[in-house]
Every structure is written in C-alpha cells, then in structure tokens.
Protein backbone atom coordinates (compact mmCIF):
# COMPACT_ATOMS: atom_id res chain seq x y z
CA UNK A 1 68.98 -66.57 -25.84
CA UNK A 2 65.94 -64.88 -24.30
CA UNK A 3 66.70 -62.54 -21.38
CA UNK A 4 64.27 -60.41 -19.32
CA UNK A 5 64.45 -56.62 -19.28
CA UNK A 6 65.40 -55.25 -15.84
CA UNK A 7 65.54 -51.52 -16.65
CA UNK A 8 66.25 -48.82 -19.21
CA UNK A 9 68.63 -45.94 -19.77
CA UNK A 10 69.47 -43.56 -22.61
CA UNK A 11 72.76 -43.73 -24.48
CA UNK A 12 74.94 -40.73 -25.30
CA UNK A 13 72.85 -40.02 -28.41
CA UNK A 14 69.54 -40.10 -26.51
CA UNK A 15 68.36 -43.52 -27.73
CA UNK A 16 66.70 -45.91 -25.28
CA UNK A 17 68.66 -48.98 -24.20
CA UNK A 18 67.18 -51.99 -22.42
CA UNK A 19 69.21 -53.41 -19.54
CA UNK A 20 68.94 -57.19 -19.53
CA UNK A 21 69.17 -59.59 -16.59
CA UNK A 22 72.24 -61.22 -18.12
CA UNK A 23 74.21 -57.95 -17.83
CA UNK A 24 74.00 -57.00 -21.49
CA UNK A 25 72.40 -53.88 -22.95
CA UNK A 26 70.29 -53.74 -26.11
CA UNK A 27 68.99 -50.71 -28.02
CA UNK A 28 65.20 -50.57 -28.26
CA UNK A 29 64.66 -47.75 -30.74
CA UNK A 30 61.32 -46.66 -32.15
CA UNK A 31 62.40 -45.65 -35.65
CA UNK A 32 59.53 -46.16 -38.10
CA UNK A 33 59.31 -47.73 -40.58
CA UNK A 34 62.39 -49.82 -39.75
CA UNK A 35 61.77 -50.51 -36.06
CA UNK A 36 58.30 -50.25 -34.57
CA UNK A 37 58.56 -50.00 -30.80
CA UNK A 38 56.13 -47.28 -29.76
CA UNK A 39 56.27 -48.62 -26.20
CA UNK A 40 59.68 -46.96 -25.68
CA UNK A 41 58.24 -43.47 -26.10
CA UNK A 42 56.73 -43.12 -22.60
CA UNK A 43 57.91 -44.04 -19.12
CA UNK A 44 54.70 -45.92 -18.34
CA UNK A 45 54.99 -48.05 -21.48
CA UNK A 46 58.69 -48.78 -20.83
CA UNK A 47 57.92 -49.81 -17.26
CA UNK A 48 55.21 -52.15 -18.55
CA UNK A 49 57.95 -54.04 -20.43
CA UNK A 50 60.07 -54.80 -17.35
CA UNK A 51 60.34 -58.59 -17.28
CA UNK A 52 59.55 -58.90 -21.00
CA UNK A 53 62.14 -61.07 -22.72
CA UNK A 54 64.33 -59.97 -25.61
CA UNK A 55 66.57 -62.15 -27.74
CA UNK A 56 70.13 -61.41 -26.55
CA UNK A 57 72.57 -61.96 -29.40
CA UNK A 58 75.47 -61.10 -27.09
CA UNK A 59 74.61 -64.11 -24.89
CA UNK A 60 74.40 -66.27 -28.01
CA UNK A 61 77.95 -65.17 -28.88
CA UNK A 62 79.24 -65.62 -25.31
CA UNK A 63 80.23 -61.95 -24.95
CA UNK A 64 81.17 -60.51 -21.53
CA UNK A 65 78.69 -58.31 -19.65
CA UNK A 66 78.35 -54.67 -20.73
CA UNK A 67 79.43 -51.83 -18.49
CA UNK A 68 76.34 -50.54 -16.75
CA UNK A 69 75.61 -46.81 -16.64
C-alpha cells in the first residue's frame, strides 16, 4: 500500500528512516550498488521527498504502527 512520507529520522546505527503517514517507519538507505537513493544524503533532498509515496509492506501485512522517535 502506498503511503506518503511525513518526515525522517536516523536509527541507532545512523541510517535514515522515513516516517510514513500510516504510522510506520521504513529505512531509506543509500547503499550503492544495492540501493540507490542519493536523495537521502542531504537535508534539502530529503525535504524534497516529503509527500512522496513509498510502498508500505507493513500496511500490506496489517502490522500495528511503529513507535515514533
């Protein structure tokens, strides 16, 4: 299920996590060559993705909301 990004935070290991409108969190790592997301590397680029929709597998599985930071 597609859900819009509402914000970002870093996890305990320093990786970026997207906060979704549904209450779930999703890692958005830039880890070439496996994951190409150069937009997570700067604040301006991350902010440009607010409202962009990501496929939320947790919604698809009916999981409860994540604890927000």
